[in-house]
Amino acid sequence: MPDVVLRKTVSSLEEIYHEGGPVSDTPLRRASVLAIISNPFAGSYVTEIQSFMEDLKPLGLQMAQKLLDMLGGPETVEGYGKGSLIGEGGELEHGALWHAPGGYAMRQLLGKANAIVPSSKKVSGLGARLDVPITHINAAYVRSHFDSMEVGCNDAPRADELAFALVMTTGPRIHSRSGGLEAWQIEGEDGLR
């Protein structure tokens, strides 16, 4: 398979103290890493693309480790998500190649993360933005952790590029009060509840 050719990464860290309500002593922290790479399949239809996922695994681990470093280690992380922006010369399926390398990298480095990693993807032009969905790392139904983080880069993805994103957060939305399953109610048996 082709090499993973990295052009650049873009990292972001948000610290949210309030959303119009009481100011929290401890902010919600949301971090993202976006890696812009060459799309080896751009411009033509290639039947066998699955093996490229194996080549993407080291990139996933590097990005997940960077997020953990930004947030202070695995013990601080409560939410995660992933996403792909595909340049115009590619197809949606090229972005789907990020599912396993991105998701498993975060779950591997977190140690205990039972929930599936939510994702989004789209074929887009230069400077596109993507809302990456976020859910709790151990129970996807924990409503307080339903969130998203916007990622993007002013000069990516170019037509022959892929932009892969990983996102992690340290807790629920800052003023979560919409009910549903709470983090302290997680049974941890199936990754859902």
C-alpha atoms as a PDB file:
ATOM      1  CA  MET A   1       0.000   0.000   0.000  1.00  0.00           C
ATOM      2  CA  PRO A   2       1.059   3.616  -0.398  1.00  0.00           C
ATOM      3  CA  ASP A   3       2.867   5.528   2.322  1.00  0.00           C
ATOM      4  CA  VAL A   4       1.041   7.915   4.623  1.00  0.00           C
ATOM      5  CA  VAL A   5       2.318  11.330   3.497  1.00  0.00           C
ATOM      6  CA  LEU A   6       1.565  13.906   6.187  1.00  0.00           C
ATOM      7  CA  ARG A   7       1.478  17.565   5.090  1.00  0.00           C
ATOM      8  CA  LYS A   8       0.609  19.090   8.450  1.00  0.00           C
ATOM      9  CA  THR A   9      -1.393  18.842  11.653  1.00  0.00           C
ATOM     10  CA  VAL A  10      -3.683  21.387  13.270  1.00  0.00           C
ATOM     11  CA  SER A  11      -4.417  21.216  17.006  1.00  0.00           C
ATOM     12  CA  SER A  12      -6.978  23.099  19.051  1.00  0.00           C
ATOM     13  CA  LEU A  13      -7.782  23.324  22.762  1.00  0.00           C
ATOM     14  CA  GLU A  14     -10.942  24.954  24.118  1.00  0.00           C
ATOM     15  CA  GLU A  15     -11.561  25.763  27.780  1.00  0.00           C
ATOM     16  CA  ILE A  16     -15.227  26.519  28.392  1.00  0.00           C
ATOM     17  CA  TYR A  17     -16.122  28.226  31.689  1.00  0.00           C
ATOM     18  CA  HIS A  18     -19.785  29.010  31.000  1.00  0.00           C
ATOM     19  CA  GLU A  19     -22.421  29.205  28.291  1.00  0.00           C
ATOM     20  CA  GLY A  20     -24.335  32.111  29.828  1.00  0.00           C
ATOM     21  CA  GLY A  21     -24.965  30.425  33.181  1.00  0.00           C
ATOM     22  CA  PRO A  22     -22.862  30.204  36.329  1.00  0.00           C
ATOM     23  CA  VAL A  23     -19.079  30.291  35.820  1.00  0.00           C
ATOM     24  CA  SER A  24     -17.468  26.932  36.575  1.00  0.00           C
ATOM     25  CA  ASP A  25     -14.301  26.721  38.660  1.00  0.00           C
ATOM     26  CA  THR A  26     -13.166  23.884  36.400  1.00  0.00           C
ATOM     27  CA  PRO A  27     -13.659  24.444  32.676  1.00  0.00           C
ATOM     28  CA  LEU A  28     -14.774  21.808  30.220  1.00  0.00           C
ATOM     29  CA  ARG A  29     -11.787  21.165  28.001  1.00  0.00           C
ATOM     30  CA  ARG A  30     -12.223  20.023  24.382  1.00  0.00           C
ATOM     31  CA  ALA A  31      -9.221  19.207  22.231  1.00  0.00           C
ATOM     32  CA  SER A  32      -8.865  18.264  18.591  1.00  0.00           C
ATOM     33  CA  VAL A  33      -6.086  17.158  16.275  1.00  0.00           C
ATOM     34  CA  LEU A  34      -6.508  17.283  12.506  1.00  0.00           C
ATOM     35  CA  ALA A  35      -3.971  15.534  10.250  1.00  0.00           C
ATOM     36  CA  ILE A  36      -3.840  16.492   6.586  1.00  0.00           C
ATOM     37  CA  ILE A  37      -2.425  13.717   4.418  1.00  0.00           C
ATOM     38  CA  SER A  38      -2.187  12.881   0.726  1.00  0.00           C
ATOM     39  CA  ASN A  39      -5.068  10.768  -0.552  1.00  0.00           C
ATOM     40  CA  PRO A  40      -3.413   7.929  -2.476  1.00  0.00           C
ATOM     41  CA  PHE A  41      -6.755   7.040  -4.097  1.00  0.00           C
ATOM     42  CA  ALA A  42      -7.747  10.510  -5.307  1.00  0.00           C
ATOM     43  CA  GLY A  43      -8.714  10.832  -8.932  1.00  0.00           C
ATOM     44  CA  SER A  44      -9.509   7.194  -9.652  1.00  0.00           C
ATOM     45  CA  TYR A  45     -11.655   4.348  -8.416  1.00  0.00           C
ATOM     46  CA  VAL A  46      -9.595   1.735  -6.568  1.00  0.00           C
ATOM     47  CA  THR A  47     -11.338  -1.470  -5.484  1.00  0.00           C
ATOM     48  CA  GLU A  48      -8.953  -2.640  -2.733  1.00  0.00           C
ATOM     49  CA  ILE A  49      -8.444   0.156  -0.211  1.00  0.00           C
ATOM     50  CA  GLN A  50      -8.867  -1.623   3.148  1.00  0.00           C
ATOM     51  CA  SER A  51      -5.200  -2.376   3.670  1.00  0.00           C
ATOM     52  CA  PHE A  52      -4.506   1.386   3.919  1.00  0.00           C
ATOM     53  CA  MET A  53      -6.186   1.273   7.340  1.00  0.00           C
ATOM     54  CA  GLU A  54      -3.209  -0.667   8.676  1.00  0.00           C
ATOM     55  CA  ASP A  55      -0.874   2.050   7.379  1.00  0.00           C
ATOM     56  CA  LEU A  56      -2.958   4.696   9.195  1.00  0.00           C
ATOM     57  CA  LYS A  57      -2.662   3.071  12.640  1.00  0.00           C
ATOM     58  CA  PRO A  58       0.595   4.819  13.661  1.00  0.00           C
ATOM     59  CA  LEU A  59      -0.914   8.189  12.699  1.00  0.00           C
ATOM     60  CA  GLY A  60      -3.964   7.438  14.845  1.00  0.00           C
ATOM     61  CA  LEU A  61      -1.788   6.579  17.837  1.00  0.00           C
ATOM     62  CA  GLN A  62       0.304   9.750  17.428  1.00  0.00           C
ATOM     63  CA  MET A  63      -2.804  11.906  17.250  1.00  0.00           C
ATOM     64  CA  ALA A  64      -4.480  10.210  20.221  1.00  0.00           C
ATOM     65  CA  GLN A  65      -1.319  10.618  22.307  1.00  0.00           C
ATOM     66  CA  LYS A  66      -1.170  14.311  21.416  1.00  0.00           C
ATOM     67  CA  LEU A  67      -4.746  14.727  22.640  1.00  0.00           C
ATOM     68  CA  LEU A  68      -3.951  12.958  25.908  1.00  0.00           C
ATOM     69  CA  ASP A  69      -0.935  15.213  26.379  1.00  0.00           C
ATOM     70  CA  MET A  70      -3.084  18.301  25.713  1.00  0.00           C
ATOM     71  CA  LEU A  71      -5.727  17.213  28.223  1.00  0.00           C
ATOM     72  CA  GLY A  72      -3.446  15.876  30.966  1.00  0.00           C
ATOM     73  CA  GLY A  73      -3.622  12.111  30.492  1.00  0.00           C
ATOM     74  CA  PRO A  74      -6.183   9.335  30.028  1.00  0.00           C
ATOM     75  CA  GLU A  75      -7.701   9.750  33.487  1.00  0.00           C
ATOM     76  CA  THR A  76      -9.069  13.186  32.507  1.00  0.00           C
ATOM     77  CA  VAL A  77     -10.906  12.071  29.356  1.00  0.00           C
ATOM     78  CA  GLU A  78     -14.660  11.407  29.384  1.00  0.00           C
ATOM     79  CA  GLY A  79     -15.712  12.003  25.771  1.00  0.00           C
ATOM     80  CA  TYR A  80     -14.431  11.331  22.252  1.00  0.00           C
ATOM     81  CA  GLY A  81     -15.183  11.424  18.542  1.00  0.00           C
ATOM     82  CA  LYS A  82     -13.576  11.243  15.111  1.00  0.00           C
ATOM     83  CA  GLY A  83     -14.137  12.534  11.609  1.00  0.00           C
ATOM     84  CA  SER A  84     -12.876  12.830   8.036  1.00  0.00           C
ATOM     85  CA  LEU A  85     -12.854  15.555   5.428  1.00  0.00           C
ATOM     86  CA  ILE A  86     -12.239  14.213   1.922  1.00  0.00           C
ATOM     87  CA  GLY A  87     -10.914  16.475  -0.815  1.00  0.00           C
ATOM     88  CA  GLU A  88     -12.897  16.781  -4.052  1.00  0.00           C
ATOM     89  CA  GLY A  89     -10.751  14.226  -5.896  1.00  0.00           C
ATOM     90  CA  GLY A  90     -11.681  11.529  -3.391  1.00  0.00           C
ATOM     91  CA  GLU A  91     -14.814   9.713  -2.344  1.00  0.00           C
ATOM     92  CA  LEU A  92     -16.671   9.254   0.918  1.00  0.00           C
ATOM     93  CA  GLU A  93     -15.320   5.717   1.289  1.00  0.00           C
ATOM     94  CA  HIS A  94     -11.778   7.096   1.567  1.00  0.00           C
ATOM     95  CA  GLY A  95     -12.842   8.941   4.716  1.00  0.00           C
ATOM     96  CA  ALA A  96     -14.369   5.747   6.084  1.00  0.00           C
ATOM     97  CA  LEU A  97     -10.856   4.282   6.193  1.00  0.00           C
ATOM     98  CA  TRP A  98     -10.326   6.366   9.370  1.00  0.00           C
ATOM     99  CA  HIS A  99     -12.951   4.459  11.397  1.00  0.00           C
ATOM    100  CA  ALA A 100     -10.695   1.697  12.702  1.00  0.00           C
ATOM    101  CA  PRO A 101      -7.310   3.474  12.945  1.00  0.00           C
ATOM    102  CA  GLY A 102      -8.758   6.576  14.607  1.00  0.00           C
ATOM    103  CA  GLY A 103     -11.229   4.904  16.912  1.00  0.00           C
ATOM    104  CA  TYR A 104      -9.042   2.050  18.078  1.00  0.00           C
ATOM    105  CA  ALA A 105      -6.097   4.379  18.695  1.00  0.00           C
ATOM    106  CA  MET A 106      -8.092   6.407  21.210  1.00  0.00           C
ATOM    107  CA  ARG A 107      -9.600   3.338  22.847  1.00  0.00           C
ATOM    108  CA  GLN A 108      -6.179   1.670  23.095  1.00  0.00           C
ATOM    109  CA  LEU A 109      -4.505   4.644  24.776  1.00  0.00           C
ATOM    110  CA  LEU A 110      -7.440   5.356  27.096  1.00  0.00           C
ATOM    111  CA  GLY A 111      -7.252   1.804  28.429  1.00  0.00           C
ATOM    112  CA  LYS A 112     -10.907   1.502  29.352  1.00  0.00           C
ATOM    113  CA  ALA A 113     -13.319   2.870  26.797  1.00  0.00           C
ATOM    114  CA  ASN A 114     -16.312   0.681  26.010  1.00  0.00           C
ATOM    115  CA  ALA A 115     -18.444   2.895  23.777  1.00  0.00           C
ATOM    116  CA  ILE A 116     -18.202   3.049  20.024  1.00  0.00           C
ATOM    117  CA  VAL A 117     -16.462   6.216  18.819  1.00  0.00           C
ATOM    118  CA  PRO A 118     -18.972   8.397  16.947  1.00  0.00           C
ATOM    119  CA  SER A 119     -17.910   9.861  13.621  1.00  0.00           C
ATOM    120  CA  SER A 120     -18.774  12.145  10.739  1.00  0.00           C
ATOM    121  CA  LYS A 121     -17.339  12.543   7.271  1.00  0.00           C
ATOM    122  CA  LYS A 122     -17.922  14.470   4.072  1.00  0.00           C
ATOM    123  CA  VAL A 123     -16.411  15.208   0.704  1.00  0.00           C
ATOM    124  CA  SER A 124     -15.596  18.902   0.686  1.00  0.00           C
ATOM    125  CA  GLY A 125     -13.640  21.758  -0.777  1.00  0.00           C
ATOM    126  CA  LEU A 126     -10.754  23.812   0.511  1.00  0.00           C
ATOM    127  CA  GLY A 127     -11.338  25.313   3.953  1.00  0.00           C
ATOM    128  CA  ALA A 128     -14.334  23.130   4.800  1.00  0.00           C
ATOM    129  CA  ARG A 129     -15.364  22.669   8.405  1.00  0.00           C
ATOM    130  CA  LEU A 130     -16.631  19.476  10.027  1.00  0.00           C
ATOM    131  CA  ASP A 131     -18.643  19.017  13.208  1.00  0.00           C
ATOM    132  CA  VAL A 132     -17.173  15.982  14.958  1.00  0.00           C
ATOM    133  CA  PRO A 133     -19.753  14.294  17.236  1.00  0.00           C
ATOM    134  CA  ILE A 134     -18.751  13.473  20.797  1.00  0.00           C
ATOM    135  CA  THR A 135     -20.160  10.900  23.227  1.00  0.00           C
ATOM    136  CA  HIS A 136     -19.104   9.436  26.577  1.00  0.00           C
ATOM    137  CA  ILE A 137     -16.198   6.976  26.317  1.00  0.00           C
ATOM    138  CA  ASN A 138     -17.954   4.204  28.246  1.00  0.00           C
ATOM    139  CA  ALA A 139     -21.655   4.631  27.537  1.00  0.00           C
ATOM    140  CA  ALA A 140     -22.954   6.167  24.327  1.00  0.00           C
ATOM    141  CA  TYR A 141     -26.360   6.984  25.899  1.00  0.00           C
ATOM    142  CA  VAL A 142     -24.999   9.438  28.491  1.00  0.00           C
ATOM    143  CA  ARG A 143     -26.892  12.514  27.296  1.00  0.00           C
ATOM    144  CA  SER A 144     -24.780  15.071  29.196  1.00  0.00           C
ATOM    145  CA  HIS A 145     -21.815  14.185  26.979  1.00  0.00           C
ATOM    146  CA  PHE A 146     -23.614  14.533  23.614  1.00  0.00           C
ATOM    147  CA  ASP A 147     -21.536  17.305  22.072  1.00  0.00           C
ATOM    148  CA  SER A 148     -19.553  18.227  18.991  1.00  0.00           C
ATOM    149  CA  MET A 149     -16.426  20.143  18.122  1.00  0.00           C
ATOM    150  CA  GLU A 150     -15.826  21.940  14.861  1.00  0.00           C
ATOM    151  CA  VAL A 151     -12.556  21.203  13.072  1.00  0.00           C
ATOM    152  CA  GLY A 152     -11.029  22.477   9.871  1.00  0.00           C
ATOM    153  CA  CYS A 153      -8.070  24.130   8.220  1.00  0.00           C
ATOM    154  CA  ASN A 154      -7.994  27.145   5.897  1.00  0.00           C
ATOM    155  CA  ASP A 155      -5.957  25.357   3.189  1.00  0.00           C
ATOM    156  CA  ALA A 156      -7.273  21.813   3.459  1.00  0.00           C
ATOM    157  CA  PRO A 157      -8.346  19.443   2.260  1.00  0.00           C
ATOM    158  CA  ARG A 158      -6.920  20.025  -1.190  1.00  0.00           C
ATOM    159  CA  ALA A 159      -8.518  17.939  -3.941  1.00  0.00           C
ATOM    160  CA  ASP A 160      -5.975  15.146  -3.458  1.00  0.00           C
ATOM    161  CA  GLU A 161      -5.961  15.161   0.354  1.00  0.00           C
ATOM    162  CA  LEU A 162      -7.686  13.661   3.377  1.00  0.00           C
ATOM    163  CA  ALA A 163      -8.065  15.484   6.688  1.00  0.00           C
ATOM    164  CA  PHE A 164      -8.529  13.072   9.594  1.00  0.00           C
ATOM    165  CA  ALA A 165      -9.722  14.342  12.991  1.00  0.00           C
ATOM    166  CA  LEU A 166      -9.704  13.022  16.546  1.00  0.00           C
ATOM    167  CA  VAL A 167     -11.440  14.830  19.409  1.00  0.00           C
ATOM    168  CA  MET A 168     -11.466  14.269  23.181  1.00  0.00           C
ATOM    169  CA  THR A 169     -13.185  16.099  26.048  1.00  0.00           C
ATOM    170  CA  THR A 170     -12.870  16.158  29.824  1.00  0.00           C
ATOM    171  CA  GLY A 171     -16.545  16.045  30.741  1.00  0.00           C
ATOM    172  CA  PRO A 172     -20.159  16.908  30.025  1.00  0.00           C
ATOM    173  CA  ARG A 173     -21.410  20.091  28.377  1.00  0.00           C
ATOM    174  CA  ILE A 174     -20.714  22.903  30.809  1.00  0.00           C
ATOM    175  CA  HIS A 175     -24.369  23.518  31.795  1.00  0.00           C
ATOM    176  CA  SER A 176     -25.778  20.052  31.091  1.00  0.00           C
ATOM    177  CA  ARG A 177     -29.288  19.745  32.498  1.00  0.00           C
ATOM    178  CA  SER A 178     -31.289  17.898  29.844  1.00  0.00           C
ATOM    179  CA  GLY A 179     -31.800  14.695  31.838  1.00  0.00           C
ATOM    180  CA  GLY A 180     -31.314  11.154  30.628  1.00  0.00           C
ATOM    181  CA  LEU A 181     -28.653   8.696  31.698  1.00  0.00           C
ATOM    182  CA  GLU A 182     -25.999  10.329  33.875  1.00  0.00           C
ATOM    183  CA  ALA A 183     -22.324   9.338  33.962  1.00  0.00           C
ATOM    184  CA  TRP A 184     -22.628   8.091  37.545  1.00  0.00           C
ATOM    185  CA  GLN A 185     -25.389   5.685  36.381  1.00  0.00           C
ATOM    186  CA  ILE A 186     -23.225   3.849  33.828  1.00  0.00           C
ATOM    187  CA  GLU A 187     -23.351   0.077  34.234  1.00  0.00           C
ATOM    188  CA  GLY A 188     -20.520  -0.390  31.747  1.00  0.00           C
ATOM    189  CA  GLU A 189     -21.614  -3.713  30.300  1.00  0.00           C
ATOM    190  CA  ASP A 190     -22.294  -2.967  26.641  1.00  0.00           C
ATOM    191  CA  GLY A 191     -20.840   0.437  25.775  1.00  0.00           C
ATOM    192  CA  LEU A 192     -24.351   1.874  25.553  1.00  0.00           C
ATOM    193  CA  ARG A 193     -25.523   2.248  29.161  1.00  0.00           C
END
